[in-house]
């Protein structure tokens, strides 16, 4: 598995994946929908799968002395590493954003702990939708991405709306991290658990679909 993961990073990863990681700096932009920053990670995953289709990456991998499920496991493990890297890189910029003498984010959720909790859920939703469709037919990458984009866009819309209209989210969760930390940490933990669960389900569904796929 370590060699397969190395192959994912050194050969399969699209160059934009590293560039999109730097977009964590966009947390410093005033009045911006910060969930979009983490959506760029999803775009990097799409580009990676698209590049793999054009370079026949899946067919190459299937020529190796490995099981089909190992191909899926390596790809999803790479995706998890990429998503966690985006989260980790974004953390210092979130702290910096809160220390800046600027008004709160008028668009929606600010750069706080709650944002990361909800973003974990968003990434988990993307993994479930995208890979569940992608591994039914690895040649139709665009179909999987378009459907997952619609679902993620709806999620972002609901999440940002809640930051304005749901009193608990507005008054307790969408505040500076010097306030109501226990509530925010609970949201973060729940977000991580949901992310892990959705990604695990995505892996299992993907393995079953890929095993049935006749290439």
Protein backbone atom coordinates (compact mmCIF):
# COMPACT_ATOMS: atom_id res chain seq x y z
CA UNK A 1 0.00 0.00 0.00
CA UNK A 2 2.84 2.39 0.76
CA UNK A 3 4.21 1.97 -2.77
CA UNK A 4 0.77 2.50 -4.28
CA UNK A 5 0.28 5.65 -2.23
CA UNK A 6 3.68 6.86 -3.38
CA UNK A 7 2.56 6.26 -6.96
CA UNK A 8 -0.58 8.31 -6.33
CA UNK A 9 1.43 11.25 -5.03
CA UNK A 10 4.38 11.17 -7.42
CA UNK A 11 2.71 10.04 -10.66
CA UNK A 12 -1.07 10.39 -10.45
CA UNK A 13 -1.57 13.67 -8.58
CA UNK A 14 -2.51 16.61 -10.79
CA UNK A 15 -0.16 19.62 -10.35
CA UNK A 16 -3.06 21.87 -9.37
CA UNK A 17 -3.51 19.88 -6.16
CA UNK A 18 -0.41 21.48 -4.64
CA UNK A 19 -1.46 24.92 -5.92
CA UNK A 20 -4.95 24.62 -4.44
CA UNK A 21 -3.46 23.86 -1.03
CA UNK A 22 -2.05 27.40 -1.03
CA UNK A 23 -5.57 28.77 -1.47
CA UNK A 24 -5.98 28.33 2.27
CA UNK A 25 -4.64 31.90 2.33
CA UNK A 26 -8.07 32.97 1.04
CA UNK A 27 -9.25 32.78 4.65
CA UNK A 28 -7.71 36.24 4.94
CA UNK A 29 -10.18 37.66 2.39
CA UNK A 30 -12.94 39.70 4.09
CA UNK A 31 -16.56 38.76 3.36
CA UNK A 32 -15.91 35.58 1.41
CA UNK A 33 -17.69 32.17 1.42
CA UNK A 34 -14.86 30.26 3.10
CA UNK A 35 -16.33 26.83 2.34
CA UNK A 36 -15.30 27.43 -1.28
CA UNK A 37 -11.66 27.18 -0.20
CA UNK A 38 -12.16 23.54 0.74
CA UNK A 39 -14.17 22.95 -2.41
CA UNK A 40 -11.00 23.63 -4.39
CA UNK A 41 -9.62 20.43 -2.87
CA UNK A 42 -12.53 18.59 -4.48
CA UNK A 43 -11.62 20.22 -7.78
CA UNK A 44 -8.05 18.93 -7.40
CA UNK A 45 -9.42 15.42 -6.85
CA UNK A 46 -11.48 15.74 -10.02
CA UNK A 47 -8.46 16.91 -12.03
CA UNK A 48 -6.42 14.00 -10.66
CA UNK A 49 -9.05 11.45 -11.69
CA UNK A 50 -9.45 13.16 -15.07
CA UNK A 51 -5.69 13.09 -15.64
CA UNK A 52 -5.73 9.42 -14.71
CA UNK A 53 -8.37 8.72 -17.31
CA UNK A 54 -6.39 10.46 -20.05
CA UNK A 55 -3.18 8.68 -19.04
CA UNK A 56 -4.87 5.29 -18.60
CA UNK A 57 -3.79 5.26 -14.97
CA UNK A 58 -6.44 2.74 -13.90
CA UNK A 59 -5.51 0.32 -16.67
CA UNK A 60 -1.83 0.61 -15.74
CA UNK A 61 -2.63 -0.05 -12.10
CA UNK A 62 -4.67 -3.12 -13.00
CA UNK A 63 -1.64 -4.59 -14.76
CA UNK A 64 0.21 -4.60 -11.46
CA UNK A 65 0.11 -7.69 -9.21
CA UNK A 66 -2.46 -6.16 -6.86
CA UNK A 67 -6.15 -6.50 -6.09
CA UNK A 68 -8.75 -4.07 -7.40
CA UNK A 69 -9.59 -2.98 -3.88
CA UNK A 70 -5.96 -1.90 -3.41
CA UNK A 71 -6.34 0.56 -6.29
CA UNK A 72 -9.39 2.08 -4.62
CA UNK A 73 -7.74 2.13 -1.21
CA UNK A 74 -4.66 3.93 -2.56
CA UNK A 75 -6.73 6.59 -4.34
CA UNK A 76 -9.01 7.30 -1.39
CA UNK A 77 -6.04 7.29 1.02
CA UNK A 78 -4.38 9.90 -1.20
CA UNK A 79 -7.59 11.94 -1.21
CA UNK A 80 -7.81 11.83 2.59
CA UNK A 81 -4.19 13.01 2.87
CA UNK A 82 -4.91 15.85 0.46
CA UNK A 83 -8.03 16.93 2.33
CA UNK A 84 -6.31 16.79 5.70
CA UNK A 85 -3.40 18.80 4.30
CA UNK A 86 -5.83 21.50 3.19
CA UNK A 87 -7.37 21.62 6.67
CA UNK A 88 -3.99 21.74 8.44
CA UNK A 89 -2.59 24.46 6.17
CA UNK A 90 -5.75 26.52 6.67
CA UNK A 91 -5.55 26.52 10.49
CA UNK A 92 -2.83 29.18 10.91
CA UNK A 93 -4.59 31.45 8.42
CA UNK A 94 -7.81 31.09 10.41
CA UNK A 95 -5.97 32.21 13.56
CA UNK A 96 -4.42 35.09 11.65
CA UNK A 97 -7.80 36.11 10.23
CA UNK A 98 -9.30 36.31 13.71
CA UNK A 99 -6.45 38.52 14.90
CA UNK A 100 -6.98 41.02 12.10
CA UNK A 101 -8.87 44.26 12.94
CA UNK A 102 -11.66 43.64 10.43
CA UNK A 103 -15.43 43.11 10.83
CA UNK A 104 -16.89 39.57 10.95
CA UNK A 105 -17.58 37.74 7.70
CA UNK A 106 -20.88 39.14 6.40
CA UNK A 107 -21.25 36.38 3.80
CA UNK A 108 -21.64 33.59 6.32
CA UNK A 109 -19.47 31.44 8.56
CA UNK A 110 -16.30 33.07 9.81
CA UNK A 111 -12.83 31.55 9.98
CA UNK A 112 -13.40 29.68 13.22
CA UNK A 113 -13.52 26.16 14.65
CA UNK A 114 -17.10 25.67 13.46
CA UNK A 115 -16.02 26.30 9.87
CA UNK A 116 -13.61 23.38 10.06
CA UNK A 117 -16.23 21.10 11.60
CA UNK A 118 -18.76 21.87 8.86
CA UNK A 119 -16.03 21.64 6.20
CA UNK A 120 -15.13 18.13 7.35
CA UNK A 121 -18.76 17.15 6.76
CA UNK A 122 -18.73 18.80 3.34
CA UNK A 123 -15.61 16.89 2.29
CA UNK A 124 -17.13 13.65 3.55
CA UNK A 125 -20.26 14.28 1.51
CA UNK A 126 -18.14 14.93 -1.57
CA UNK A 127 -16.14 11.73 -1.08
CA UNK A 128 -19.30 9.65 -0.72
CA UNK A 129 -21.09 11.09 -3.75
CA UNK A 130 -18.09 11.40 -6.07
CA UNK A 131 -16.42 8.04 -5.51
CA UNK A 132 -19.68 6.09 -5.31
CA UNK A 133 -20.40 7.26 -8.86
CA UNK A 134 -16.83 7.39 -10.19
CA UNK A 135 -16.01 3.75 -9.53
CA UNK A 136 -19.11 2.57 -11.36
CA UNK A 137 -17.43 3.81 -14.55
CA UNK A 138 -13.99 5.41 -14.25
CA UNK A 139 -14.29 6.88 -17.76
CA UNK A 140 -17.19 9.15 -16.75
CA UNK A 141 -15.31 11.42 -14.35
CA UNK A 142 -17.33 14.49 -15.34
CA UNK A 143 -20.65 12.87 -14.44
CA UNK A 144 -19.41 12.02 -10.94
CA UNK A 145 -18.01 15.51 -10.43
CA UNK A 146 -21.05 17.37 -11.73
CA UNK A 147 -23.41 15.47 -9.44
CA UNK A 148 -21.13 15.89 -6.44
CA UNK A 149 -20.80 19.61 -7.25
CA UNK A 150 -24.56 20.02 -7.13
CA UNK A 151 -24.77 18.28 -3.75
CA UNK A 152 -21.83 20.22 -2.30
CA UNK A 153 -23.22 23.53 -3.60
CA UNK A 154 -26.52 22.81 -1.87
CA UNK A 155 -24.64 21.97 1.30
CA UNK A 156 -22.68 25.25 1.19
CA UNK A 157 -25.88 27.21 0.55
CA UNK A 158 -27.62 25.62 3.54
CA UNK A 159 -24.57 26.01 5.79
CA UNK A 160 -24.12 29.71 4.95
CA UNK A 161 -27.85 30.33 5.33
CA UNK A 162 -27.81 28.75 8.79
CA UNK A 163 -25.11 31.20 9.81
CA UNK A 164 -27.65 33.99 9.23
CA UNK A 165 -31.04 32.54 10.17
CA UNK A 166 -30.48 29.81 12.78
CA UNK A 167 -30.08 31.58 16.16
CA UNK A 168 -27.78 28.97 17.75
CA UNK A 169 -25.46 28.93 14.75
CA UNK A 170 -25.51 32.71 14.40
CA UNK A 171 -25.07 33.62 18.07
CA UNK A 172 -22.89 30.76 19.35
CA UNK A 173 -21.14 28.98 16.51
CA UNK A 174 -20.45 31.85 14.13
CA UNK A 175 -18.40 33.87 16.59
CA UNK A 176 -14.76 34.51 17.37
CA UNK A 177 -12.99 31.50 18.88
CA UNK A 178 -12.54 33.31 22.17
CA UNK A 179 -16.24 32.60 22.73
CA UNK A 180 -18.28 29.42 23.21
CA UNK A 181 -15.35 27.08 22.53
CA UNK A 182 -17.04 23.95 24.02
CA UNK A 183 -19.91 24.20 21.52
CA UNK A 184 -17.51 24.66 18.63
CA UNK A 185 -15.30 21.77 19.70
CA UNK A 186 -18.36 19.52 19.80
CA UNK A 187 -19.19 20.56 16.23
CA UNK A 188 -15.58 19.88 15.21
CA UNK A 189 -15.58 16.40 16.73
CA UNK A 190 -18.95 15.58 15.17
CA UNK A 191 -17.66 16.85 11.83
CA UNK A 192 -14.55 14.65 12.00
CA UNK A 193 -16.62 11.58 12.95
CA UNK A 194 -19.09 12.17 10.10
CA UNK A 195 -16.21 12.75 7.67
CA UNK A 196 -14.55 9.48 8.68
CA UNK A 197 -17.84 7.57 8.49
CA UNK A 198 -18.83 8.95 5.07
CA UNK A 199 -15.36 8.35 3.64
CA UNK A 200 -15.37 4.78 4.96
CA UNK A 201 -18.77 4.16 3.37
CA UNK A 202 -17.46 5.71 0.14
CA UNK A 203 -14.53 3.28 0.18
CA UNK A 204 -16.74 0.24 0.71
CA UNK A 205 -19.23 1.26 -1.98
CA UNK A 206 -16.38 2.08 -4.37
CA UNK A 207 -14.71 -1.30 -3.86
CA UNK A 208 -17.98 -3.15 -4.57
CA UNK A 209 -18.63 -1.09 -7.70
CA UNK A 210 -15.06 -1.37 -8.99
CA UNK A 211 -14.99 -5.12 -8.45
CA UNK A 212 -18.02 -5.42 -10.75
CA UNK A 213 -16.62 -3.04 -13.37
CA UNK A 214 -15.44 -4.85 -16.50
CA UNK A 215 -12.48 -3.03 -18.01
